[in-house]
Amino acid sequence: MKQAKSPKEFVFHRREPEIQREMVAAANAEALFARDVVSISDSLIEGTQLENRTIDSLFIEDSVVERVNLSNSVFGSIKLADVRLVNCDLGNLEARAMSLVRVEFINCRMTGFRAGKLECQDVLISEGDQRYSQFRFSLFKSSEFEACNFEDADFYGADLSGARFRRCNLRNAEMSKSTLVDADLRGSVVDGMQLNAEDIKGAVVDASQAMLFAPLLGIRIA
């Protein structure tokens, strides 16, 4: 008699940005961002104030963006591939469409960050402040979040399948209609998360989180 096969275990794997070690610093980043269509590759952009811009299209690849202020800027579309953003101010940045492939946000301010149609592949958001950010109906593939502050963030309808949340603050985050199958929430603050029993199905939680979700699932712990 053949034995029944056990369910295949989900294996998480995020690919890091493929960035060359030596890059040429952009000579005049402010002039580059004065255009309606911005295209940058193989560059280091650092220490530039670029807030309150309105830009049709932004494309950056194989680059590092460090200590750049893009707060309160509005973009028609943003496409980033193999990019690392470090200590940047992206507060209240808005984009109607956004594609991120092998992108890392390290200690960036992202309060009020608003992405319309957002598709993420191999994305890391680490530390920083992401309160009130909006990721409604976004897609996150092989993505992880580390020590983030997503308090009051909006993930309504987002696909977070297999995502990793490590030491994150998800207090009062909107997760209704989201997909959390194989999403690892262990070690994160989940008090007040807005979601339904169906939404949490398949997520990985620790014992203390299970106690919080028990009433949602109709479980009474005596």
Protein backbone atom coordinates (compact mmCIF):
# COMPACT_ATOMS: atom_id res chain seq x y z
CA MET A 1 0.00 0.00 0.00
CA LYS A 2 1.30 3.43 -0.93
CA GLN A 3 1.64 5.91 1.89
CA ALA A 4 -0.11 9.25 1.56
CA LYS A 5 2.27 12.07 0.70
CA SER A 6 2.68 14.75 3.32
CA PRO A 7 1.85 18.33 2.30
CA LYS A 8 4.77 20.11 0.66
CA GLU A 9 6.40 22.48 3.13
CA PHE A 10 6.61 26.10 2.07
CA VAL A 11 10.21 27.28 1.69
CA PHE A 12 10.86 31.01 1.82
CA HIS A 13 13.55 32.47 -0.40
CA ARG A 14 14.12 36.15 -1.18
CA ARG A 15 16.69 37.17 -3.78
CA GLU A 16 18.76 40.21 -2.84
CA PRO A 17 19.36 43.11 -5.25
CA GLU A 18 22.08 42.46 -7.80
CA ILE A 19 24.12 45.64 -7.43
CA GLN A 20 27.72 46.14 -8.47
CA ARG A 21 30.07 47.25 -5.72
CA GLU A 22 31.50 50.29 -7.49
CA MET A 23 29.04 52.81 -8.89
CA VAL A 24 29.35 56.30 -10.28
CA ALA A 25 27.74 58.99 -8.13
CA ALA A 26 25.12 60.98 -10.03
CA ALA A 27 26.63 64.39 -10.76
CA ASN A 28 23.37 66.32 -10.60
CA ALA A 29 20.52 64.21 -9.28
CA GLU A 30 18.27 67.24 -8.87
CA ALA A 31 18.49 67.95 -12.60
CA LEU A 32 17.62 64.32 -13.39
CA PHE A 33 14.45 64.54 -11.31
CA ALA A 34 13.41 67.78 -13.01
CA ARG A 35 12.25 65.78 -16.03
CA ASP A 36 8.81 64.25 -16.63
CA VAL A 37 10.41 60.87 -17.36
CA VAL A 38 13.33 59.87 -15.12
CA SER A 39 15.56 56.90 -16.00
CA ILE A 40 18.63 56.01 -13.91
CA SER A 41 20.93 52.99 -13.92
CA ASP A 42 24.24 51.93 -12.33
CA SER A 43 24.34 55.02 -10.13
CA LEU A 44 24.73 56.17 -6.56
CA ILE A 45 22.28 58.91 -5.63
CA GLU A 46 22.81 60.40 -2.20
CA GLY A 47 22.07 63.38 0.00
CA THR A 48 19.57 65.09 -2.32
CA GLN A 49 16.40 67.04 -1.54
CA LEU A 50 13.78 66.08 -4.14
CA GLU A 51 10.53 66.57 -2.23
CA ASN A 52 7.25 67.89 -3.67
CA ARG A 53 7.92 66.67 -7.21
CA THR A 54 5.33 65.65 -9.81
CA ILE A 55 6.81 63.13 -12.26
CA ASP A 56 5.15 61.00 -14.93
CA SER A 57 7.52 58.03 -14.80
CA LEU A 58 10.48 56.96 -12.64
CA PHE A 59 12.71 54.00 -13.56
CA ILE A 60 15.79 53.06 -11.51
CA GLU A 61 17.88 49.90 -11.88
CA ASP A 62 21.14 48.55 -10.44
CA SER A 63 21.52 51.54 -8.11
CA VAL A 64 21.75 52.70 -4.50
CA VAL A 65 19.64 55.62 -3.27
CA GLU A 66 20.83 56.98 0.06
CA ARG A 67 19.60 59.91 2.20
CA VAL A 68 17.31 61.18 -0.56
CA ASN A 69 14.14 63.11 0.27
CA LEU A 70 11.23 62.28 -2.07
CA SER A 71 8.49 63.12 0.42
CA ASN A 72 5.16 64.51 -0.79
CA SER A 73 6.00 63.65 -4.40
CA VAL A 74 3.50 62.23 -6.90
CA PHE A 75 4.40 59.75 -9.64
CA GLY A 76 2.38 58.27 -12.47
CA SER A 77 4.45 55.10 -12.34
CA ILE A 78 7.54 53.83 -10.54
CA LYS A 79 9.63 50.83 -11.58
CA LEU A 80 12.62 49.77 -9.50
CA ALA A 81 14.81 46.74 -10.21
CA ASP A 82 17.89 45.78 -8.17
CA VAL A 83 17.78 48.92 -6.03
CA ARG A 84 18.64 49.57 -2.39
CA LEU A 85 17.17 52.65 -0.65
CA VAL A 86 18.85 53.62 2.62
CA ASN A 87 17.74 56.30 5.10
CA CYS A 88 15.43 57.90 2.53
CA ASP A 89 12.35 60.04 3.23
CA LEU A 90 9.39 58.66 1.28
CA GLY A 91 6.71 60.11 3.54
CA ASN A 92 3.41 60.76 1.74
CA LEU A 93 4.91 59.66 -1.58
CA GLU A 94 2.17 58.60 -4.00
CA ALA A 95 2.36 56.45 -7.13
CA ARG A 96 -0.57 55.29 -9.24
CA ALA A 97 1.36 52.18 -10.37
CA MET A 98 4.51 50.64 -8.94
CA SER A 99 6.67 47.61 -9.76
CA LEU A 100 9.48 46.53 -7.41
CA VAL A 101 11.85 43.65 -8.19
CA ARG A 102 14.73 42.81 -5.83
CA VAL A 103 14.38 46.08 -3.91
CA GLU A 104 15.38 46.87 -0.31
CA PHE A 105 14.11 49.73 1.84
CA ILE A 106 16.50 50.14 4.78
CA ASN A 107 15.46 52.47 7.62
CA CYS A 108 13.32 54.65 5.36
CA ARG A 109 10.53 56.96 6.48
CA MET A 110 7.38 55.77 4.69
CA THR A 111 4.56 57.31 6.75
CA GLY A 112 1.55 57.88 4.52
CA PHE A 113 3.27 56.12 1.59
CA ARG A 114 0.56 55.36 -1.01
CA ALA A 115 0.92 52.82 -3.79
CA GLY A 116 -1.89 52.28 -6.27
CA LYS A 117 -1.30 49.14 -8.30
CA LEU A 118 1.75 47.70 -6.51
CA GLU A 119 3.52 44.49 -7.58
CA CYS A 120 6.49 43.34 -5.48
CA GLN A 121 8.94 40.50 -6.08
CA ASP A 122 11.79 39.82 -3.60
CA VAL A 123 11.26 43.01 -1.59
CA LEU A 124 12.64 43.78 1.87
CA ILE A 125 11.40 46.60 4.11
CA SER A 126 13.58 46.86 7.20
CA GLU A 127 13.12 49.23 10.14
CA GLY A 128 11.97 52.82 9.50
CA ASP A 129 8.45 54.15 9.98
CA GLN A 130 5.58 52.91 7.79
CA ARG A 131 2.59 54.14 9.81
CA TYR A 132 -0.56 54.94 7.78
CA SER A 133 1.03 53.53 4.60
CA GLN A 134 -1.40 52.15 2.00
CA PHE A 135 -0.85 48.90 0.11
CA ARG A 136 -4.44 48.04 -0.86
CA PHE A 137 -4.77 45.12 -3.32
CA SER A 138 -0.97 44.92 -3.64
CA LEU A 139 0.94 41.77 -4.54
CA PHE A 140 3.98 40.72 -2.49
CA LYS A 141 5.97 37.71 -3.72
CA SER A 142 8.90 36.37 -1.64
CA SER A 143 8.87 39.55 0.45
CA GLU A 144 9.91 40.17 4.03
CA PHE A 145 9.41 42.89 6.61
CA GLU A 146 11.82 43.34 9.50
CA ALA A 147 11.31 45.57 12.56
CA CYS A 148 8.80 47.71 10.63
CA ASN A 149 6.21 50.02 12.17
CA PHE A 150 3.03 49.25 10.20
CA GLU A 151 0.68 50.61 12.84
CA ASP A 152 -2.59 51.72 11.16
CA ALA A 153 -1.23 50.62 7.75
CA ASP A 154 -3.70 49.46 5.08
CA PHE A 155 -3.17 46.04 3.43
CA TYR A 156 -6.81 45.56 2.43
CA GLY A 157 -7.07 42.88 -0.26
CA ALA A 158 -3.29 42.47 -0.50
CA ASP A 159 -1.68 39.14 -1.40
CA LEU A 160 0.88 38.48 1.35
CA SER A 161 1.23 34.76 0.72
CA GLY A 162 4.47 33.48 2.24
CA ALA A 163 5.57 36.92 3.48
CA ARG A 164 7.79 37.13 6.56
CA PHE A 165 7.01 39.66 9.30
CA ARG A 166 9.84 39.76 11.85
CA ARG A 167 9.46 41.92 14.97
CA CYS A 168 6.99 44.22 13.21
CA ASN A 169 4.33 46.44 14.73
CA LEU A 170 1.04 45.55 13.01
CA ARG A 171 -1.19 47.13 15.63
CA ASN A 172 -4.52 48.19 14.10
CA ALA A 173 -3.33 47.31 10.59
CA GLU A 174 -6.12 46.72 8.06
CA MET A 175 -5.79 43.14 6.75
CA SER A 176 -9.37 42.45 5.66
CA LYS A 177 -9.70 40.40 2.46
CA SER A 178 -5.92 39.90 2.41
CA THR A 179 -4.27 36.54 1.65
CA LEU A 180 -2.01 35.36 4.47
CA VAL A 181 -1.41 31.73 3.52
CA ASP A 182 2.07 30.73 4.78
CA ALA A 183 2.66 34.32 5.99
CA ASP A 184 4.81 34.20 9.14
CA LEU A 185 3.60 36.66 11.79
CA ARG A 186 5.51 35.18 14.72
CA GLY A 187 7.15 37.72 17.01
CA SER A 188 5.17 40.67 15.65
CA VAL A 189 2.59 42.82 17.44
CA VAL A 190 -0.85 41.95 16.05
CA ASP A 191 -3.14 43.62 18.59
CA GLY A 192 -6.13 45.25 16.93
CA MET A 193 -5.42 43.89 13.45
CA GLN A 194 -8.54 44.29 11.29
CA LEU A 195 -9.35 40.97 9.61
CA ASN A 196 -11.84 38.11 9.45
CA ALA A 197 -11.48 34.44 10.30
CA GLU A 198 -11.08 33.57 6.61
CA ASP A 199 -8.28 36.10 6.20
CA ILE A 200 -6.02 34.56 8.86
CA LYS A 201 -6.43 31.05 7.45
CA GLY A 202 -3.06 29.43 6.71
CA ALA A 203 -0.95 32.06 8.52
CA VAL A 204 1.84 31.00 10.89
CA VAL A 205 1.44 32.49 14.38
CA ASP A 206 3.01 31.98 17.81
CA ALA A 207 1.20 30.93 21.00
CA SER A 208 0.48 34.45 22.26
CA GLN A 209 -0.89 35.51 18.87
CA ALA A 210 -3.07 32.40 18.77
CA MET A 211 -4.67 33.56 22.02
CA LEU A 212 -5.54 36.91 20.42
CA PHE A 213 -6.98 35.31 17.29
CA ALA A 214 -8.94 32.62 19.18
CA PRO A 215 -12.16 34.70 19.60
CA LEU A 216 -12.04 35.57 15.90
CA LEU A 217 -11.99 31.85 15.10
CA GLY A 218 -14.74 31.08 17.59
CA ILE A 219 -12.38 29.32 19.99
CA ARG A 220 -12.90 29.58 23.75
CA ILE A 221 -9.85 28.93 25.93
CA ALA A 222 -10.81 27.75 29.40
